[in-house]
Amino acid sequence: MEVSLSLFPVYMRQPEVIDSIMSFLLALFESLIHQIGPKFVERTTQTVMGLFTSQQMCETVVQESKTGSRVIERFLRLLQVVVKDPSSAFKAFIPNIIRFCMEQIYPVLANRDVPDIKSVMFELLHGVLVSHWRHFFTTSVLDKVGASSKSLERIENEDQFMAIMKAIGESFLQPDIALFKQNLASMESLHAKSRLYQKLVTNSVPSSVRSDLPRCCFT
């Protein structure tokens, strides 16, 4: 494990080698995430995030490298494994994962025709919202006692939540119908589980974000 991780920076400019290493790491995370433990998970994610700079990803996307794009997709799927794991040991990684998506990946992908990577990235963001809703909305014990108001839940990490909502909203303005359907289904499932649309209204979502979301979110 340690050897494969140490080779990552050495072969960063060789997509075929990196793809093999990332494929191994993804299989490892999917099968043995609890056995490898949070320390190795943290080292792996931080190492790869540090190497996947916006410039590096931009070069990969612009060059339309299939192997390079596959490496990015595999890493995003690796992060999905971390996000979906219910263990409290991995909750500390959520802020960095969100920042990585919204600050390093999304700006590169937003206006480019890379449907496969976009789809996996939004799957990851959906996983963050589903599995870590309390990262954004919390209810105190006192609120629960007299839970009659719609505004009891307070929004936390508002900048991250709004950034995700804005990215989803902007995807509805793109010509990619498959991604439109994927993100609309994501919004619907979040509303069914956590009353997302009510949260968007009662927590004063900025008009700049709301304007990009389908009207069904507010009706």
C-alpha atoms as a PDB file:
ATOM      1  CA  MET A   1       0.000   0.000   0.000  1.00  0.00           C
ATOM      2  CA  GLU A   2       2.672   2.472   1.050  1.00  0.00           C
ATOM      3  CA  VAL A   3       4.782   1.626  -2.005  1.00  0.00           C
ATOM      4  CA  SER A   4       1.928   2.273  -4.415  1.00  0.00           C
ATOM      5  CA  LEU A   5       1.201   5.613  -2.761  1.00  0.00           C
ATOM      6  CA  SER A   6       4.868   6.639  -2.842  1.00  0.00           C
ATOM      7  CA  LEU A   7       5.029   5.898  -6.575  1.00  0.00           C
ATOM      8  CA  PHE A   8       2.150   8.236  -7.345  1.00  0.00           C
ATOM      9  CA  PRO A   9       4.166  11.497  -7.453  1.00  0.00           C
ATOM     10  CA  VAL A  10       6.996   9.797  -9.368  1.00  0.00           C
ATOM     11  CA  TYR A  11       4.782   8.677 -12.248  1.00  0.00           C
ATOM     12  CA  MET A  12       2.325  11.583 -12.238  1.00  0.00           C
ATOM     13  CA  ARG A  13       3.139  12.405 -15.878  1.00  0.00           C
ATOM     14  CA  GLN A  14       2.615   8.821 -17.016  1.00  0.00           C
ATOM     15  CA  PRO A  15      -1.162   8.263 -17.127  1.00  0.00           C
ATOM     16  CA  GLU A  16      -0.996   4.518 -17.842  1.00  0.00           C
ATOM     17  CA  VAL A  17       1.066   3.850 -14.702  1.00  0.00           C
ATOM     18  CA  ILE A  18      -1.052   6.185 -12.576  1.00  0.00           C
ATOM     19  CA  ASP A  19      -4.217   4.516 -13.870  1.00  0.00           C
ATOM     20  CA  SER A  20      -2.936   1.126 -12.672  1.00  0.00           C
ATOM     21  CA  ILE A  21      -2.029   2.535  -9.257  1.00  0.00           C
ATOM     22  CA  MET A  22      -5.389   4.277  -8.908  1.00  0.00           C
ATOM     23  CA  SER A  23      -7.224   1.123  -9.969  1.00  0.00           C
ATOM     24  CA  PHE A  24      -5.413  -0.774  -7.205  1.00  0.00           C
ATOM     25  CA  LEU A  25      -6.175   1.912  -4.610  1.00  0.00           C
ATOM     26  CA  LEU A  26      -9.855   2.017  -5.588  1.00  0.00           C
ATOM     27  CA  ALA A  27     -10.169  -1.770  -5.242  1.00  0.00           C
ATOM     28  CA  LEU A  28      -8.382  -1.554  -1.897  1.00  0.00           C
ATOM     29  CA  PHE A  29     -10.734   1.126  -0.581  1.00  0.00           C
ATOM     30  CA  GLU A  30     -13.843  -0.691  -1.825  1.00  0.00           C
ATOM     31  CA  SER A  31     -12.843  -3.951  -0.148  1.00  0.00           C
ATOM     32  CA  LEU A  32     -10.759  -3.058   2.896  1.00  0.00           C
ATOM     33  CA  ILE A  33     -11.369   0.539   3.906  1.00  0.00           C
ATOM     34  CA  HIS A  34     -11.819  -0.352   7.581  1.00  0.00           C
ATOM     35  CA  GLN A  35      -8.735  -2.542   7.632  1.00  0.00           C
ATOM     36  CA  ILE A  36      -6.438   0.075   6.094  1.00  0.00           C
ATOM     37  CA  GLY A  37      -7.736   2.641   8.583  1.00  0.00           C
ATOM     38  CA  PRO A  38      -8.325   6.396   8.576  1.00  0.00           C
ATOM     39  CA  LYS A  39      -4.628   7.342   8.682  1.00  0.00           C
ATOM     40  CA  PHE A  40      -3.840   5.661   5.369  1.00  0.00           C
ATOM     41  CA  VAL A  41      -7.100   6.978   3.910  1.00  0.00           C
ATOM     42  CA  GLU A  42      -6.082  10.489   4.921  1.00  0.00           C
ATOM     43  CA  ARG A  43      -2.567  10.138   3.492  1.00  0.00           C
ATOM     44  CA  THR A  44      -3.931   8.771   0.225  1.00  0.00           C
ATOM     45  CA  THR A  45      -6.593  11.413  -0.285  1.00  0.00           C
ATOM     46  CA  GLN A  46      -4.339  14.300   0.725  1.00  0.00           C
ATOM     47  CA  THR A  47      -1.486  13.086  -1.488  1.00  0.00           C
ATOM     48  CA  VAL A  48      -3.679  12.715  -4.569  1.00  0.00           C
ATOM     49  CA  MET A  49      -5.585  15.942  -3.950  1.00  0.00           C
ATOM     50  CA  GLY A  50      -2.279  17.779  -3.709  1.00  0.00           C
ATOM     51  CA  LEU A  51      -1.128  16.347  -7.024  1.00  0.00           C
ATOM     52  CA  PHE A  52      -4.443  16.857  -8.824  1.00  0.00           C
ATOM     53  CA  THR A  53      -4.102  20.614  -9.070  1.00  0.00           C
ATOM     54  CA  SER A  54      -6.512  22.596 -11.239  1.00  0.00           C
ATOM     55  CA  GLN A  55      -3.708  23.068 -13.751  1.00  0.00           C
ATOM     56  CA  GLN A  56      -2.997  19.343 -13.901  1.00  0.00           C
ATOM     57  CA  MET A  57      -6.667  18.501 -14.411  1.00  0.00           C
ATOM     58  CA  CYS A  58      -7.085  21.272 -16.970  1.00  0.00           C
ATOM     59  CA  GLU A  59      -4.223  19.814 -19.000  1.00  0.00           C
ATOM     60  CA  THR A  60      -5.802  16.366 -18.817  1.00  0.00           C
ATOM     61  CA  VAL A  61      -9.237  17.595 -19.892  1.00  0.00           C
ATOM     62  CA  VAL A  62      -7.974  19.909 -22.652  1.00  0.00           C
ATOM     63  CA  GLN A  63      -5.769  17.168 -24.097  1.00  0.00           C
ATOM     64  CA  GLU A  64      -8.783  14.829 -24.013  1.00  0.00           C
ATOM     65  CA  SER A  65      -6.649  12.079 -22.526  1.00  0.00           C
ATOM     66  CA  LYS A  66      -8.903   9.069 -21.998  1.00  0.00           C
ATOM     67  CA  THR A  67      -6.475   7.477 -19.573  1.00  0.00           C
ATOM     68  CA  GLY A  68      -5.995  10.709 -17.632  1.00  0.00           C
ATOM     69  CA  SER A  69      -9.742  11.252 -17.413  1.00  0.00           C
ATOM     70  CA  ARG A  70     -10.185   7.682 -16.199  1.00  0.00           C
ATOM     71  CA  VAL A  71      -7.679   8.349 -13.406  1.00  0.00           C
ATOM     72  CA  ILE A  72      -9.723  11.351 -12.259  1.00  0.00           C
ATOM     73  CA  GLU A  73     -12.930   9.307 -12.387  1.00  0.00           C
ATOM     74  CA  ARG A  74     -11.361   6.502 -10.340  1.00  0.00           C
ATOM     75  CA  PHE A  75     -10.216   8.954  -7.673  1.00  0.00           C
ATOM     76  CA  LEU A  76     -13.678  10.480  -7.471  1.00  0.00           C
ATOM     77  CA  ARG A  77     -15.109   6.977  -7.024  1.00  0.00           C
ATOM     78  CA  LEU A  78     -12.532   6.346  -4.317  1.00  0.00           C
ATOM     79  CA  LEU A  79     -13.782   9.470  -2.541  1.00  0.00           C
ATOM     80  CA  GLN A  80     -17.331   8.156  -2.900  1.00  0.00           C
ATOM     81  CA  VAL A  81     -16.310   5.102  -0.869  1.00  0.00           C
ATOM     82  CA  VAL A  82     -14.985   7.381   1.882  1.00  0.00           C
ATOM     83  CA  VAL A  83     -18.073   9.596   1.837  1.00  0.00           C
ATOM     84  CA  LYS A  84     -20.565   6.729   1.985  1.00  0.00           C
ATOM     85  CA  ASP A  85     -18.851   4.891   4.832  1.00  0.00           C
ATOM     86  CA  PRO A  86     -20.898   5.423   8.030  1.00  0.00           C
ATOM     87  CA  SER A  87     -17.892   5.264  10.344  1.00  0.00           C
ATOM     88  CA  SER A  88     -17.347   8.456  12.325  1.00  0.00           C
ATOM     89  CA  ALA A  89     -13.604   8.142  11.676  1.00  0.00           C
ATOM     90  CA  PHE A  90     -14.085   9.370   8.115  1.00  0.00           C
ATOM     91  CA  LYS A  91     -16.354  12.345   8.827  1.00  0.00           C
ATOM     92  CA  ALA A  92     -13.353  14.620   9.308  1.00  0.00           C
ATOM     93  CA  PHE A  93     -12.471  14.221   5.634  1.00  0.00           C
ATOM     94  CA  ILE A  94     -15.747  15.700   4.341  1.00  0.00           C
ATOM     95  CA  PRO A  95     -14.754  19.415   4.328  1.00  0.00           C
ATOM     96  CA  ASN A  96     -11.594  18.708   2.321  1.00  0.00           C
ATOM     97  CA  ILE A  97     -13.478  16.512  -0.127  1.00  0.00           C
ATOM     98  CA  ILE A  98     -16.021  19.267  -0.726  1.00  0.00           C
ATOM     99  CA  ARG A  99     -13.287  21.869  -1.189  1.00  0.00           C
ATOM    100  CA  PHE A 100     -11.470  19.590  -3.615  1.00  0.00           C
ATOM    101  CA  CYS A 101     -14.614  19.173  -5.711  1.00  0.00           C
ATOM    102  CA  MET A 102     -15.741  22.787  -5.665  1.00  0.00           C
ATOM    103  CA  GLU A 103     -12.372  24.575  -5.834  1.00  0.00           C
ATOM    104  CA  GLN A 104     -10.144  22.250  -7.861  1.00  0.00           C
ATOM    105  CA  ILE A 105     -12.397  20.091 -10.035  1.00  0.00           C
ATOM    106  CA  TYR A 106     -15.622  21.945 -10.745  1.00  0.00           C
ATOM    107  CA  PRO A 107     -14.032  25.176 -12.079  1.00  0.00           C
ATOM    108  CA  VAL A 108     -12.157  23.083 -14.659  1.00  0.00           C
ATOM    109  CA  LEU A 109     -15.183  20.997 -15.681  1.00  0.00           C
ATOM    110  CA  ALA A 110     -18.001  23.542 -15.495  1.00  0.00           C
ATOM    111  CA  ASN A 111     -17.990  24.755 -19.104  1.00  0.00           C
ATOM    112  CA  ARG A 112     -16.325  21.765 -20.732  1.00  0.00           C
ATOM    113  CA  ASP A 113     -17.909  18.780 -22.449  1.00  0.00           C
ATOM    114  CA  VAL A 114     -16.690  16.010 -20.142  1.00  0.00           C
ATOM    115  CA  PRO A 115     -19.930  14.176 -19.251  1.00  0.00           C
ATOM    116  CA  ASP A 116     -18.330  11.111 -17.668  1.00  0.00           C
ATOM    117  CA  ILE A 117     -16.232  13.036 -15.139  1.00  0.00           C
ATOM    118  CA  LYS A 118     -19.074  15.467 -14.401  1.00  0.00           C
ATOM    119  CA  SER A 119     -21.473  12.599 -13.740  1.00  0.00           C
ATOM    120  CA  VAL A 120     -19.111  10.951 -11.242  1.00  0.00           C
ATOM    121  CA  MET A 121     -18.363  14.271  -9.537  1.00  0.00           C
ATOM    122  CA  PHE A 122     -22.076  15.013  -9.026  1.00  0.00           C
ATOM    123  CA  GLU A 123     -22.575  11.448  -7.765  1.00  0.00           C
ATOM    124  CA  LEU A 124     -19.914  12.240  -5.174  1.00  0.00           C
ATOM    125  CA  LEU A 125     -21.605  15.502  -4.173  1.00  0.00           C
ATOM    126  CA  HIS A 126     -24.940  13.699  -3.914  1.00  0.00           C
ATOM    127  CA  GLY A 127     -23.268  11.159  -1.634  1.00  0.00           C
ATOM    128  CA  VAL A 128     -21.971  13.994   0.552  1.00  0.00           C
ATOM    129  CA  LEU A 129     -25.460  15.460   0.901  1.00  0.00           C
ATOM    130  CA  VAL A 130     -27.140  12.113   1.545  1.00  0.00           C
ATOM    131  CA  SER A 131     -24.598  10.659   3.955  1.00  0.00           C
ATOM    132  CA  HIS A 132     -23.558  13.862   5.724  1.00  0.00           C
ATOM    133  CA  TRP A 133     -26.691  15.980   5.860  1.00  0.00           C
ATOM    134  CA  ARG A 134     -25.825  17.026   9.410  1.00  0.00           C
ATOM    135  CA  HIS A 135     -22.648  18.609   8.086  1.00  0.00           C
ATOM    136  CA  PHE A 136     -25.023  21.259   6.723  1.00  0.00           C
ATOM    137  CA  PHE A 137     -28.155  21.106   8.895  1.00  0.00           C
ATOM    138  CA  THR A 138     -28.225  20.517  12.630  1.00  0.00           C
ATOM    139  CA  THR A 139     -30.986  20.513  15.228  1.00  0.00           C
ATOM    140  CA  SER A 140     -30.292  21.201  18.898  1.00  0.00           C
ATOM    141  CA  VAL A 141     -31.875  19.249  21.747  1.00  0.00           C
ATOM    142  CA  LEU A 142     -33.957  22.289  22.734  1.00  0.00           C
ATOM    143  CA  ASP A 143     -35.205  22.637  19.166  1.00  0.00           C
ATOM    144  CA  LYS A 144     -36.304  19.014  19.094  1.00  0.00           C
ATOM    145  CA  VAL A 145     -38.387  19.477  22.273  1.00  0.00           C
ATOM    146  CA  GLY A 146     -40.578  22.092  20.674  1.00  0.00           C
ATOM    147  CA  ALA A 147     -40.169  21.130  17.027  1.00  0.00           C
ATOM    148  CA  SER A 148     -43.091  22.974  15.503  1.00  0.00           C
ATOM    149  CA  SER A 149     -41.327  25.578  13.408  1.00  0.00           C
ATOM    150  CA  LYS A 150     -39.934  24.968   9.902  1.00  0.00           C
ATOM    151  CA  SER A 151     -36.912  27.084  10.707  1.00  0.00           C
ATOM    152  CA  LEU A 152     -35.576  25.023  13.601  1.00  0.00           C
ATOM    153  CA  GLU A 153     -32.745  23.442  11.638  1.00  0.00           C
ATOM    154  CA  ARG A 154     -29.800  25.783  11.315  1.00  0.00           C
ATOM    155  CA  ILE A 155     -27.617  25.728   8.263  1.00  0.00           C
ATOM    156  CA  GLU A 156     -23.954  25.055   8.930  1.00  0.00           C
ATOM    157  CA  ASN A 157     -21.040  25.302   6.493  1.00  0.00           C
ATOM    158  CA  GLU A 158     -23.294  27.514   4.409  1.00  0.00           C
ATOM    159  CA  ASP A 159     -20.668  28.444   1.821  1.00  0.00           C
ATOM    160  CA  GLN A 160     -20.054  24.803   0.963  1.00  0.00           C
ATOM    161  CA  PHE A 161     -23.760  23.990   0.794  1.00  0.00           C
ATOM    162  CA  MET A 162     -24.501  26.981  -1.446  1.00  0.00           C
ATOM    163  CA  ALA A 163     -21.552  26.130  -3.695  1.00  0.00           C
ATOM    164  CA  ILE A 164     -22.937  22.624  -4.223  1.00  0.00           C
ATOM    165  CA  MET A 165     -26.446  23.945  -4.878  1.00  0.00           C
ATOM    166  CA  LYS A 166     -25.094  26.507  -7.326  1.00  0.00           C
ATOM    167  CA  ALA A 167     -23.125  23.840  -9.215  1.00  0.00           C
ATOM    168  CA  ILE A 168     -26.227  21.654  -9.439  1.00  0.00           C
ATOM    169  CA  GLY A 169     -28.268  24.642 -10.598  1.00  0.00           C
ATOM    170  CA  GLU A 170     -25.736  25.505 -13.293  1.00  0.00           C
ATOM    171  CA  SER A 171     -25.842  21.915 -14.550  1.00  0.00           C
ATOM    172  CA  PHE A 172     -29.514  22.440 -15.396  1.00  0.00           C
ATOM    173  CA  LEU A 173     -28.470  25.160 -17.848  1.00  0.00           C
ATOM    174  CA  GLN A 174     -26.108  22.847 -19.733  1.00  0.00           C
ATOM    175  CA  PRO A 175     -27.150  20.867 -22.840  1.00  0.00           C
ATOM    176  CA  ASP A 176     -26.302  17.531 -21.191  1.00  0.00           C
ATOM    177  CA  ILE A 177     -29.736  15.912 -20.780  1.00  0.00           C
ATOM    178  CA  ALA A 178     -28.383  12.855 -18.970  1.00  0.00           C
ATOM    179  CA  LEU A 179     -26.728  15.054 -16.328  1.00  0.00           C
ATOM    180  CA  PHE A 180     -29.913  17.139 -16.042  1.00  0.00           C
ATOM    181  CA  LYS A 181     -31.908  13.973 -15.286  1.00  0.00           C
ATOM    182  CA  GLN A 182     -29.260  12.704 -12.867  1.00  0.00           C
ATOM    183  CA  ASN A 183     -29.179  15.900 -10.827  1.00  0.00           C
ATOM    184  CA  LEU A 184     -32.942  16.373 -10.887  1.00  0.00           C
ATOM    185  CA  ALA A 185     -33.343  12.833  -9.530  1.00  0.00           C
ATOM    186  CA  SER A 186     -30.727  13.686  -6.912  1.00  0.00           C
ATOM    187  CA  MET A 187     -32.682  16.769  -5.818  1.00  0.00           C
ATOM    188  CA  GLU A 188     -35.929  14.813  -5.701  1.00  0.00           C
ATOM    189  CA  SER A 189     -34.419  12.046  -3.557  1.00  0.00           C
ATOM    190  CA  LEU A 190     -32.931  14.608  -1.161  1.00  0.00           C
ATOM    191  CA  HIS A 191     -36.288  16.341  -0.866  1.00  0.00           C
ATOM    192  CA  ALA A 192     -38.060  13.045  -0.197  1.00  0.00           C
ATOM    193  CA  LYS A 193     -35.567  12.174   2.534  1.00  0.00           C
ATOM    194  CA  SER A 194     -34.721  15.550   4.061  1.00  0.00           C
ATOM    195  CA  ARG A 195     -37.253  18.107   2.743  1.00  0.00           C
ATOM    196  CA  LEU A 196     -34.549  19.796   0.668  1.00  0.00           C
ATOM    197  CA  TYR A 197     -36.849  22.232  -1.124  1.00  0.00           C
ATOM    198  CA  GLN A 198     -38.248  23.538   2.150  1.00  0.00           C
ATOM    199  CA  LYS A 199     -34.685  24.069   3.349  1.00  0.00           C
ATOM    200  CA  LEU A 200     -33.902  26.050   0.206  1.00  0.00           C
ATOM    201  CA  VAL A 201     -36.840  28.363   0.907  1.00  0.00           C
ATOM    202  CA  THR A 202     -36.648  28.730   4.691  1.00  0.00           C
ATOM    203  CA  ASN A 203     -32.888  29.272   4.820  1.00  0.00           C
ATOM    204  CA  SER A 204     -32.952  32.254   2.450  1.00  0.00           C
ATOM    205  CA  VAL A 205     -31.072  30.806  -0.500  1.00  0.00           C
ATOM    206  CA  PRO A 206     -29.637  33.698  -2.584  1.00  0.00           C
ATOM    207  CA  SER A 207     -31.573  34.527  -5.744  1.00  0.00           C
ATOM    208  CA  SER A 208     -28.413  33.910  -7.779  1.00  0.00           C
ATOM    209  CA  VAL A 209     -28.577  30.258  -6.719  1.00  0.00           C
ATOM    210  CA  ARG A 210     -32.346  29.841  -6.840  1.00  0.00           C
ATOM    211  CA  SER A 211     -32.573  31.247 -10.364  1.00  0.00           C
ATOM    212  CA  ASP A 212     -30.605  28.290 -11.734  1.00  0.00           C
ATOM    213  CA  LEU A 213     -32.717  25.627 -10.035  1.00  0.00           C
ATOM    214  CA  PRO A 214     -35.855  24.206 -11.695  1.00  0.00           C
ATOM    215  CA  ARG A 215     -39.098  25.838 -10.597  1.00  0.00           C
ATOM    216  CA  CYS A 216     -40.330  22.519  -9.242  1.00  0.00           C
ATOM    217  CA  CYS A 217     -37.881  22.993  -6.371  1.00  0.00           C
ATOM    218  CA  PHE A 218     -39.993  25.854  -5.019  1.00  0.00           C
ATOM    219  CA  THR A 219     -43.545  24.825  -5.833  1.00  0.00           C
END
